[in-house]
Amino acid sequence: MSALNITKQNFQEEVLNSDKKVLIDFWAAWCGPCRRVSPVIEEIAEERPDVKVCKVNVDEQQELAAEFQIMSIPALVVMEHGKIVNQSVGARPKAQILDLL
């Protein structure tokens, strides 16, 4: 399954109400490090059916980015039962992203 695109409209349903752990990638099209992390995020989405992998475009979803106080991208946030349980900022290799989970 590929990463889900998250908007303010589907955030409650897909993230807060998820019965799985959720990995959210906050990104933007103009961000070089985001483009390097993107294929890794998609790999994790394919390989880990136990985790819901989501992407938030910070340019299109400024309200969500502000809600999570995203100041630098790429930013990865791991949520479980509607609460943030882990997060990191900056491009990371796949092993470090998996360690967040």
PDB file of N, CA and C in Angstrom:
ATOM      1  N   MET A   1       0.841  -1.186   0.000  1.00  0.00           N
ATOM      2  CA  MET A   1       0.000   0.000   0.000  1.00  0.00           C
ATOM      3  C   MET A   1       0.884   1.246   0.000  1.00  0.00           C
ATOM      4  N   SER A   2       0.552   2.219  -0.814  1.00  0.00           N
ATOM      5  CA  SER A   2       1.376   3.414  -0.859  1.00  0.00           C
ATOM      6  C   SER A   2       0.947   4.384   0.240  1.00  0.00           C
ATOM      7  N   ALA A   3       1.792   5.376   0.481  1.00  0.00           N
ATOM      8  CA  ALA A   3       1.527   6.362   1.532  1.00  0.00           C
ATOM      9  C   ALA A   3       0.257   7.153   1.185  1.00  0.00           C
ATOM     10  N   LEU A   4      -0.537   7.439   2.203  1.00  0.00           N
ATOM     11  CA  LEU A   4      -1.777   8.197   2.048  1.00  0.00           C
ATOM     12  C   LEU A   4      -1.492   9.686   2.094  1.00  0.00           C
ATOM     13  N   ASN A   5      -2.154  10.440   1.240  1.00  0.00           N
ATOM     14  CA  ASN A   5      -2.046  11.890   1.285  1.00  0.00           C
ATOM     15  C   ASN A   5      -3.030  12.400   2.341  1.00  0.00           C
ATOM     16  N   ILE A   6      -2.504  13.133   3.323  1.00  0.00           N
ATOM     17  CA  ILE A   6      -3.342  13.601   4.428  1.00  0.00           C
ATOM     18  C   ILE A   6      -3.643  15.086   4.265  1.00  0.00           C
ATOM     19  N   THR A   7      -4.918  15.408   4.466  1.00  0.00           N
ATOM     20  CA  THR A   7      -5.380  16.796   4.435  1.00  0.00           C
ATOM     21  C   THR A   7      -6.107  17.081   5.744  1.00  0.00           C
ATOM     22  N   LYS A   8      -6.434  18.335   5.959  1.00  0.00           N
ATOM     23  CA  LYS A   8      -7.207  18.702   7.147  1.00  0.00           C
ATOM     24  C   LYS A   8      -8.533  17.934   7.173  1.00  0.00           C
ATOM     25  N   GLN A   9      -9.080  17.656   5.971  1.00  0.00           N
ATOM     26  CA  GLN A   9     -10.379  16.988   5.875  1.00  0.00           C
ATOM     27  C   GLN A   9     -10.327  15.511   6.291  1.00  0.00           C
ATOM     28  N   ASN A  10      -9.223  14.802   5.998  1.00  0.00           N
ATOM     29  CA  ASN A  10      -9.188  13.374   6.336  1.00  0.00           C
ATOM     30  C   ASN A  10      -8.275  13.058   7.527  1.00  0.00           C
ATOM     31  N   PHE A  11      -7.714  14.073   8.159  1.00  0.00           N
ATOM     32  CA  PHE A  11      -6.774  13.865   9.270  1.00  0.00           C
ATOM     33  C   PHE A  11      -7.408  13.095  10.428  1.00  0.00           C
ATOM     34  N   GLN A  12      -8.587  13.526  10.857  1.00  0.00           N
ATOM     35  CA  GLN A  12      -9.268  12.873  11.986  1.00  0.00           C
ATOM     36  C   GLN A  12      -9.478  11.384  11.697  1.00  0.00           C
ATOM     37  N   GLU A  13     -10.040  11.097  10.541  1.00  0.00           N
ATOM     38  CA  GLU A  13     -10.361   9.718  10.158  1.00  0.00           C
ATOM     39  C   GLU A  13      -9.116   8.845  10.001  1.00  0.00           C
ATOM     40  N   GLU A  14      -8.144   9.335   9.233  1.00  0.00           N
ATOM     41  CA  GLU A  14      -6.993   8.512   8.859  1.00  0.00           C
ATOM     42  C   GLU A  14      -5.900   8.454   9.923  1.00  0.00           C
ATOM     43  N   VAL A  15      -5.723   9.528  10.679  1.00  0.00           N
ATOM     44  CA  VAL A  15      -4.624   9.575  11.654  1.00  0.00           C
ATOM     45  C   VAL A  15      -5.124   9.388  13.075  1.00  0.00           C
ATOM     46  N   LEU A  16      -5.979  10.279  13.527  1.00  0.00           N
ATOM     47  CA  LEU A  16      -6.416  10.224  14.934  1.00  0.00           C
ATOM     48  C   LEU A  16      -7.238   8.986  15.249  1.00  0.00           C
ATOM     49  N   ASN A  17      -8.040   8.521  14.298  1.00  0.00           N
ATOM     50  CA  ASN A  17      -8.887   7.353  14.537  1.00  0.00           C
ATOM     51  C   ASN A  17      -8.242   6.038  14.101  1.00  0.00           C
ATOM     52  N   SER A  18      -6.989   6.076  13.692  1.00  0.00           N
ATOM     53  CA  SER A  18      -6.326   4.865  13.201  1.00  0.00           C
ATOM     54  C   SER A  18      -6.100   3.863  14.325  1.00  0.00           C
ATOM     55  N   ASP A  19      -6.346   2.591  14.017  1.00  0.00           N
ATOM     56  CA  ASP A  19      -6.057   1.548  15.004  1.00  0.00           C
ATOM     57  C   ASP A  19      -4.618   1.055  14.868  1.00  0.00           C
ATOM     58  N   LYS A  20      -3.894   1.592  13.897  1.00  0.00           N
ATOM     59  CA  LYS A  20      -2.482   1.244  13.709  1.00  0.00           C
ATOM     60  C   LYS A  20      -1.611   2.425  14.113  1.00  0.00           C
ATOM     61  N   LYS A  21      -0.328   2.138  14.311  1.00  0.00           N
ATOM     62  CA  LYS A  21       0.648   3.196  14.476  1.00  0.00           C
ATOM     63  C   LYS A  21       0.709   3.971  13.158  1.00  0.00           C
ATOM     64  N   VAL A  22       0.892   5.294  13.217  1.00  0.00           N
ATOM     65  CA  VAL A  22       0.893   6.135  12.025  1.00  0.00           C
ATOM     66  C   VAL A  22       2.234   6.863  11.899  1.00  0.00           C
ATOM     67  N   LEU A  23       2.847   6.758  10.721  1.00  0.00           N
ATOM     68  CA  LEU A  23       4.062   7.510  10.400  1.00  0.00           C
ATOM     69  C   LEU A  23       3.651   8.619   9.439  1.00  0.00           C
ATOM     70  N   ILE A  24       3.884   9.873   9.837  1.00  0.00           N
ATOM     71  CA  ILE A  24       3.532  11.017   8.996  1.00  0.00           C
ATOM     72  C   ILE A  24       4.806  11.683   8.511  1.00  0.00           C
ATOM     73  N   ASP A  25       4.909  11.872   7.199  1.00  0.00           N
ATOM     74  CA  ASP A  25       6.019  12.571   6.572  1.00  0.00           C
ATOM     75  C   ASP A  25       5.534  13.957   6.170  1.00  0.00           C
ATOM     76  N   PHE A  26       6.039  15.004   6.844  1.00  0.00           N
ATOM     77  CA  PHE A  26       5.742  16.382   6.463  1.00  0.00           C
ATOM     78  C   PHE A  26       6.794  16.801   5.445  1.00  0.00           C
ATOM     79  N   TRP A  27       6.349  17.220   4.254  1.00  0.00           N
ATOM     80  CA  TRP A  27       7.268  17.452   3.145  1.00  0.00           C
ATOM     81  C   TRP A  27       6.770  18.597   2.258  1.00  0.00           C
ATOM     82  N   ALA A  28       7.617  18.977   1.285  1.00  0.00           N
ATOM     83  CA  ALA A  28       7.221  19.944   0.253  1.00  0.00           C
ATOM     84  C   ALA A  28       7.945  19.576  -1.039  1.00  0.00           C
ATOM     85  N   ALA A  29       7.327  19.896  -2.166  1.00  0.00           N
ATOM     86  CA  ALA A  29       7.875  19.532  -3.475  1.00  0.00           C
ATOM     87  C   ALA A  29       9.233  20.192  -3.744  1.00  0.00           C
ATOM     88  N   TRP A  30       9.454  21.388  -3.208  1.00  0.00           N
ATOM     89  CA  TRP A  30      10.691  22.128  -3.461  1.00  0.00           C
ATOM     90  C   TRP A  30      11.849  21.700  -2.553  1.00  0.00           C
ATOM     91  N   CYS A  31      11.609  20.803  -1.631  1.00  0.00           N
ATOM     92  CA  CYS A  31      12.598  20.406  -0.610  1.00  0.00           C
ATOM     93  C   CYS A  31      13.429  19.215  -1.093  1.00  0.00           C
ATOM     94  N   GLY A  32      14.713  19.444  -1.343  1.00  0.00           N
ATOM     95  CA  GLY A  32      15.612  18.384  -1.813  1.00  0.00           C
ATOM     96  C   GLY A  32      15.686  17.194  -0.867  1.00  0.00           C
ATOM     97  N   PRO A  33      15.952  17.417   0.436  1.00  0.00           N
ATOM     98  CA  PRO A  33      15.988  16.290   1.373  1.00  0.00           C
ATOM     99  C   PRO A  33      14.666  15.517   1.425  1.00  0.00           C
ATOM    100  N   CYS A  34      13.547  16.222   1.234  1.00  0.00           N
ATOM    101  CA  CYS A  34      12.233  15.553   1.218  1.00  0.00           C
ATOM    102  C   CYS A  34      12.156  14.586   0.038  1.00  0.00           C
ATOM    103  N   ARG A  35      12.680  15.013  -1.100  1.00  0.00           N
ATOM    104  CA  ARG A  35      12.648  14.151  -2.289  1.00  0.00           C
ATOM    105  C   ARG A  35      13.533  12.923  -2.102  1.00  0.00           C
ATOM    106  N   ARG A  36      14.602  13.044  -1.324  1.00  0.00           N
ATOM    107  CA  ARG A  36      15.461  11.883  -1.050  1.00  0.00           C
ATOM    108  C   ARG A  36      14.774  10.903  -0.101  1.00  0.00           C
ATOM    109  N   VAL A  37      14.016  11.413   0.848  1.00  0.00           N
ATOM    110  CA  VAL A  37      13.338  10.568   1.840  1.00  0.00           C
ATOM    111  C   VAL A  37      12.082   9.905   1.256  1.00  0.00           C
ATOM    112  N   SER A  38      11.451  10.554   0.295  1.00  0.00           N
ATOM    113  CA  SER A  38      10.173  10.082  -0.241  1.00  0.00           C
ATOM    114  C   SER A  38      10.167   8.619  -0.697  1.00  0.00           C
ATOM    115  N   PRO A  39      11.171   8.165  -1.486  1.00  0.00           N
ATOM    116  CA  PRO A  39      11.146   6.748  -1.891  1.00  0.00           C
ATOM    117  C   PRO A  39      11.266   5.790  -0.698  1.00  0.00           C
ATOM    118  N   VAL A  40      11.983   6.213   0.337  1.00  0.00           N
ATOM    119  CA  VAL A  40      12.131   5.384   1.542  1.00  0.00           C
ATOM    120  C   VAL A  40      10.789   5.281   2.260  1.00  0.00           C
ATOM    121  N   ILE A  41      10.075   6.401   2.334  1.00  0.00           N
ATOM    122  CA  ILE A  41       8.751   6.415   2.967  1.00  0.00           C
ATOM    123  C   ILE A  41       7.813   5.478   2.208  1.00  0.00           C
ATOM    124  N   GLU A  42       7.868   5.524   0.876  1.00  0.00           N
ATOM    125  CA  GLU A  42       7.020   4.638   0.061  1.00  0.00           C
ATOM    126  C   GLU A  42       7.390   3.164   0.280  1.00  0.00           C
ATOM    127  N   GLU A  43       8.697   2.870   0.397  1.00  0.00           N
ATOM    128  CA  GLU A  43       9.140   1.486   0.672  1.00  0.00           C
ATOM    129  C   GLU A  43       8.560   0.993   1.992  1.00  0.00           C
ATOM    130  N   ILE A  44       8.646   1.838   3.008  1.00  0.00           N
ATOM    131  CA  ILE A  44       8.129   1.461   4.330  1.00  0.00           C
ATOM    132  C   ILE A  44       6.617   1.218   4.240  1.00  0.00           C
ATOM    133  N   ALA A  45       5.909   2.060   3.467  1.00  0.00           N
ATOM    134  CA  ALA A  45       4.462   1.879   3.287  1.00  0.00           C
ATOM    135  C   ALA A  45       4.163   0.516   2.672  1.00  0.00           C
ATOM    136  N   GLU A  46       4.991   0.092   1.720  1.00  0.00           N
ATOM    137  CA  GLU A  46       4.795  -1.207   1.061  1.00  0.00           C
ATOM    138  C   GLU A  46       5.152  -2.378   1.984  1.00  0.00           C
ATOM    139  N   GLU A  47       6.208  -2.203   2.777  1.00  0.00           N
ATOM    140  CA  GLU A  47       6.766  -3.315   3.558  1.00  0.00           C
ATOM    141  C   GLU A  47       6.139  -3.499   4.933  1.00  0.00           C
ATOM    142  N   ARG A  48       5.474  -2.469   5.472  1.00  0.00           N
ATOM    143  CA  ARG A  48       4.986  -2.535   6.845  1.00  0.00           C
ATOM    144  C   ARG A  48       3.469  -2.352   6.909  1.00  0.00           C
ATOM    145  N   PRO A  49       2.714  -3.452   6.675  1.00  0.00           N
ATOM    146  CA  PRO A  49       1.253  -3.337   6.736  1.00  0.00           C
ATOM    147  C   PRO A  49       0.743  -3.011   8.146  1.00  0.00           C
ATOM    148  N   ASP A  50       1.611  -3.164   9.153  1.00  0.00           N
ATOM    149  CA  ASP A  50       1.225  -2.873  10.529  1.00  0.00           C
ATOM    150  C   ASP A  50       1.276  -1.374  10.848  1.00  0.00           C
ATOM    151  N   VAL A  51       1.797  -0.570   9.908  1.00  0.00           N
ATOM    152  CA  VAL A  51       1.936   0.869  10.111  1.00  0.00           C
ATOM    153  C   VAL A  51       1.193   1.595   8.994  1.00  0.00           C
ATOM    154  N   LYS A  52       0.416   2.616   9.352  1.00  0.00           N
ATOM    155  CA  LYS A  52      -0.223   3.460   8.330  1.00  0.00           C
ATOM    156  C   LYS A  52       0.757   4.588   8.016  1.00  0.00           C
ATOM    157  N   VAL A  53       1.184   4.663   6.767  1.00  0.00           N
ATOM    158  CA  VAL A  53       2.161   5.670   6.357  1.00  0.00           C
ATOM    159  C   VAL A  53       1.435   6.784   5.606  1.00  0.00           C
ATOM    160  N   CYS A  54       1.695   8.022   6.045  1.00  0.00           N
ATOM    161  CA  CYS A  54       0.980   9.172   5.510  1.00  0.00           C
ATOM    162  C   CYS A  54       1.956  10.285   5.143  1.00  0.00           C
ATOM    163  N   LYS A  55       1.519  11.139   4.219  1.00  0.00           N
ATOM    164  CA  LYS A  55       2.317  12.283   3.806  1.00  0.00           C
ATOM    165  C   LYS A  55       1.464  13.540   3.906  1.00  0.00           C
ATOM    166  N   VAL A  56       2.085  14.616   4.413  1.00  0.00           N
ATOM    167  CA  VAL A  56       1.418  15.908   4.494  1.00  0.00           C
ATOM    168  C   VAL A  56       2.272  16.925   3.750  1.00  0.00           C
ATOM    169  N   ASN A  57       1.710  17.493   2.672  1.00  0.00           N
ATOM    170  CA  ASN A  57       2.398  18.546   1.924  1.00  0.00           C
ATOM    171  C   ASN A  57       2.213  19.841   2.719  1.00  0.00           C
ATOM    172  N   VAL A  58       3.309  20.380   3.273  1.00  0.00           N
ATOM    173  CA  VAL A  58       3.208  21.544   4.168  1.00  0.00           C
ATOM    174  C   VAL A  58       2.755  22.806   3.432  1.00  0.00           C
ATOM    175  N   ASP A  59       3.006  22.888   2.121  1.00  0.00           N
ATOM    176  CA  ASP A  59       2.551  24.053   1.359  1.00  0.00           C
ATOM    177  C   ASP A  59       1.041  24.035   1.175  1.00  0.00           C
ATOM    178  N   GLU A  60       0.473  22.847   1.000  1.00  0.00           N
ATOM    179  CA  GLU A  60      -0.970  22.712   0.785  1.00  0.00           C
ATOM    180  C   GLU A  60      -1.750  22.599   2.090  1.00  0.00           C
ATOM    181  N   GLN A  61      -1.085  22.142   3.139  1.00  0.00           N
ATOM    182  CA  GLN A  61      -1.750  21.893   4.428  1.00  0.00           C
ATOM    183  C   GLN A  61      -1.054  22.694   5.539  1.00  0.00           C
ATOM    184  N   GLN A  62      -1.027  24.002   5.383  1.00  0.00           N
ATOM    185  CA  GLN A  62      -0.320  24.860   6.336  1.00  0.00           C
ATOM    186  C   GLN A  62      -0.916  24.784   7.742  1.00  0.00           C
ATOM    187  N   GLU A  63      -2.224  24.574   7.819  1.00  0.00           N
ATOM    188  CA  GLU A  63      -2.876  24.465   9.127  1.00  0.00           C
ATOM    189  C   GLU A  63      -2.364  23.252   9.911  1.00  0.00           C
ATOM    190  N   LEU A  64      -2.255  22.104   9.218  1.00  0.00           N
ATOM    191  CA  LEU A  64      -1.738  20.897   9.876  1.00  0.00           C
ATOM    192  C   LEU A  64      -0.281  21.079  10.269  1.00  0.00           C
ATOM    193  N   ALA A  65       0.520  21.677   9.387  1.00  0.00           N
ATOM    194  CA  ALA A  65       1.933  21.909   9.692  1.00  0.00           C
ATOM    195  C   ALA A  65       2.057  22.800  10.936  1.00  0.00           C
ATOM    196  N   ALA A  66       1.217  23.816  11.023  1.00  0.00           N
ATOM    197  CA  ALA A  66       1.247  24.711  12.183  1.00  0.00           C
ATOM    198  C   ALA A  66       0.808  23.981  13.453  1.00  0.00           C
ATOM    199  N   GLU A  67      -0.213  23.139  13.313  1.00  0.00           N
ATOM    200  CA  GLU A  67      -0.715  22.364  14.453  1.00  0.00           C
ATOM    201  C   GLU A  67       0.391  21.492  15.065  1.00  0.00           C
ATOM    202  N   PHE A  68       1.243  20.944  14.202  1.00  0.00           N
ATOM    203  CA  PHE A  68       2.340  20.088  14.651  1.00  0.00           C
ATOM    204  C   PHE A  68       3.639  20.873  14.876  1.00  0.00           C
ATOM    205  N   GLN A  69       3.553  22.190  14.756  1.00  0.00           N
ATOM    206  CA  GLN A  69       4.713  23.079  14.946  1.00  0.00           C
ATOM    207  C   GLN A  69       5.894  22.663  14.076  1.00  0.00           C
ATOM    208  N   ILE A  70       5.617  22.367  12.804  1.00  0.00           N
ATOM    209  CA  ILE A  70       6.656  21.970  11.867  1.00  0.00           C
ATOM    210  C   ILE A  70       7.408  23.226  11.423  1.00  0.00           C
ATOM    211  N   MET A  71       8.692  23.293  11.771  1.00  0.00           N
ATOM    212  CA  MET A  71       9.520  24.448  11.424  1.00  0.00           C
ATOM    213  C   MET A  71      10.535  24.091  10.337  1.00  0.00           C
ATOM    214  N   SER A  72      10.911  22.817  10.263  1.00  0.00           N
ATOM    215  CA  SER A  72      11.877  22.330   9.273  1.00  0.00           C
ATOM    216  C   SER A  72      11.348  21.038   8.684  1.00  0.00           C
ATOM    217  N   ILE A  73      11.663  20.831   7.403  1.00  0.00           N
ATOM    218  CA  ILE A  73      11.244  19.597   6.741  1.00  0.00           C
ATOM    219  C   ILE A  73      12.450  18.961   6.061  1.00  0.00           C
ATOM    220  N   PRO A  74      12.437  17.657   5.811  1.00  0.00           N
ATOM    221  CA  PRO A  74      11.356  16.743   6.158  1.00  0.00           C
ATOM    222  C   PRO A  74      11.258  16.532   7.666  1.00  0.00           C
ATOM    223  N   ALA A  75      10.057  16.395   8.131  1.00  0.00           N
ATOM    224  CA  ALA A  75       9.796  16.084   9.530  1.00  0.00           C
ATOM    225  C   ALA A  75       8.956  14.813   9.566  1.00  0.00           C
ATOM    226  N   LEU A  76       9.363  13.889  10.410  1.00  0.00           N
ATOM    227  CA  LEU A  76       8.635  12.631  10.563  1.00  0.00           C
ATOM    228  C   LEU A  76       8.022  12.592  11.956  1.00  0.00           C
ATOM    229  N   VAL A  77       6.745  12.249  12.009  1.00  0.00           N
ATOM    230  CA  VAL A  77       6.030  12.166  13.281  1.00  0.00           C
ATOM    231  C   VAL A  77       5.382  10.793  13.354  1.00  0.00           C
ATOM    232  N   VAL A  78       5.580  10.107  14.483  1.00  0.00           N
ATOM    233  CA  VAL A  78       4.941   8.812  14.713  1.00  0.00           C
ATOM    234  C   VAL A  78       3.857   9.019  15.765  1.00  0.00           C
ATOM    235  N   MET A  79       2.636   8.585  15.422  1.00  0.00           N
ATOM    236  CA  MET A  79       1.515   8.721  16.343  1.00  0.00           C
ATOM    237  C   MET A  79       0.909   7.355  16.634  1.00  0.00           C
ATOM    238  N   GLU A  80       0.420   7.226  17.851  1.00  0.00           N
ATOM    239  CA  GLU A  80      -0.269   6.011  18.262  1.00  0.00           C
ATOM    240  C   GLU A  80      -1.428   6.425  19.157  1.00  0.00           C
ATOM    241  N   HIS A  81      -2.624   5.957  18.845  1.00  0.00           N
ATOM    242  CA  HIS A  81      -3.829   6.304  19.608  1.00  0.00           C
ATOM    243  C   HIS A  81      -4.012   7.815  19.696  1.00  0.00           C
ATOM    244  N   GLY A  82      -3.702   8.535  18.602  1.00  0.00           N
ATOM    245  CA  GLY A  82      -3.910   9.977  18.553  1.00  0.00           C
ATOM    246  C   GLY A  82      -2.860  10.810  19.255  1.00  0.00           C
ATOM    247  N   LYS A  83      -1.799  10.181  19.759  1.00  0.00           N
ATOM    248  CA  LYS A  83      -0.742  10.905  20.487  1.00  0.00           C
ATOM    249  C   LYS A  83       0.593  10.737  19.774  1.00  0.00           C
ATOM    250  N   ILE A  84       1.410  11.794  19.816  1.00  0.00           N
ATOM    251  CA  ILE A  84       2.753  11.722  19.241  1.00  0.00           C
ATOM    252  C   ILE A  84       3.628  10.879  20.160  1.00  0.00           C
ATOM    253  N   VAL A  85       4.252   9.835  19.591  1.00  0.00           N
ATOM    254  CA  VAL A  85       5.122   8.969  20.388  1.00  0.00           C
ATOM    255  C   VAL A  85       6.595   9.093  19.971  1.00  0.00           C
ATOM    256  N   ASN A  86       6.844   9.679  18.806  1.00  0.00           N
ATOM    257  CA  ASN A  86       8.219   9.864  18.346  1.00  0.00           C
ATOM    258  C   ASN A  86       8.218  10.862  17.210  1.00  0.00           C
ATOM    259  N   GLN A  87       9.362  11.527  17.003  1.00  0.00           N
ATOM    260  CA  GLN A  87       9.483  12.442  15.873  1.00  0.00           C
ATOM    261  C   GLN A  87      10.939  12.732  15.580  1.00  0.00           C
ATOM    262  N   SER A  88      11.208  13.147  14.343  1.00  0.00           N
ATOM    263  CA  SER A  88      12.555  13.546  13.962  1.00  0.00           C
ATOM    264  C   SER A  88      12.470  14.552  12.829  1.00  0.00           C
ATOM    265  N   VAL A  89      13.530  15.333  12.689  1.00  0.00           N
ATOM    266  CA  VAL A  89      13.600  16.344  11.631  1.00  0.00           C
ATOM    267  C   VAL A  89      14.841  16.079  10.804  1.00  0.00           C
ATOM    268  N   GLY A  90      14.711  16.223   9.491  1.00  0.00           N
ATOM    269  CA  GLY A  90      15.840  16.034   8.594  1.00  0.00           C
ATOM    270  C   GLY A  90      15.778  14.687   7.902  1.00  0.00           C
ATOM    271  N   ALA A  91      16.517  14.603   6.796  1.00  0.00           N
ATOM    272  CA  ALA A  91      16.579  13.344   6.039  1.00  0.00           C
ATOM    273  C   ALA A  91      17.283  12.289   6.878  1.00  0.00           C
ATOM    274  N   ARG A  92      16.714  11.117   6.908  1.00  0.00           N
ATOM    275  CA  ARG A  92      17.267   9.997   7.684  1.00  0.00           C
ATOM    276  C   ARG A  92      17.347   8.765   6.792  1.00  0.00           C
ATOM    277  N   PRO A  93      18.342   7.903   7.039  1.00  0.00           N
ATOM    278  CA  PRO A  93      18.354   6.625   6.310  1.00  0.00           C
ATOM    279  C   PRO A  93      17.205   5.738   6.797  1.00  0.00           C
ATOM    280  N   LYS A  94      16.862   4.768   5.981  1.00  0.00           N
ATOM    281  CA  LYS A  94      15.723   3.892   6.267  1.00  0.00           C
ATOM    282  C   LYS A  94      15.807   3.255   7.657  1.00  0.00           C
ATOM    283  N   ALA A  95      16.985   2.783   8.040  1.00  0.00           N
ATOM    284  CA  ALA A  95      17.129   2.124   9.353  1.00  0.00           C
ATOM    285  C   ALA A  95      16.738   3.067  10.493  1.00  0.00           C
ATOM    286  N   GLN A  96      17.129   4.326  10.389  1.00  0.00           N
ATOM    287  CA  GLN A  96      16.782   5.287  11.454  1.00  0.00           C
ATOM    288  C   GLN A  96      15.290   5.599  11.455  1.00  0.00           C
ATOM    289  N   ILE A  97      14.688   5.638  10.271  1.00  0.00           N
ATOM    290  CA  ILE A  97      13.242   5.861  10.216  1.00  0.00           C
ATOM    291  C   ILE A  97      12.501   4.671  10.832  1.00  0.00           C
ATOM    292  N   LEU A  98      12.953   3.471  10.518  1.00  0.00           N
ATOM    293  CA  LEU A  98      12.328   2.269  11.101  1.00  0.00           C
ATOM    294  C   LEU A  98      12.499   2.253  12.615  1.00  0.00           C
ATOM    295  N   ASP A  99      13.638   2.757  13.115  1.00  0.00           N
ATOM    296  CA  ASP A  99      13.857   2.826  14.562  1.00  0.00           C
ATOM    297  C   ASP A  99      12.849   3.743  15.254  1.00  0.00           C
ATOM    298  N   LEU A 100      12.349   4.741  14.544  1.00  0.00           N
ATOM    299  CA  LEU A 100      11.331   5.630  15.120  1.00  0.00           C
ATOM    300  C   LEU A 100      10.038   4.876  15.428  1.00  0.00           C
ATOM    301  N   LEU A 101       9.798   3.819  14.624  1.00  0.00           N
ATOM    302  CA  LEU A 101       8.564   3.059  14.776  1.00  0.00           C
ATOM    303  C   LEU A 101       8.657   2.121  15.969  1.00  0.00           C
TER     304      LEU A 101
END
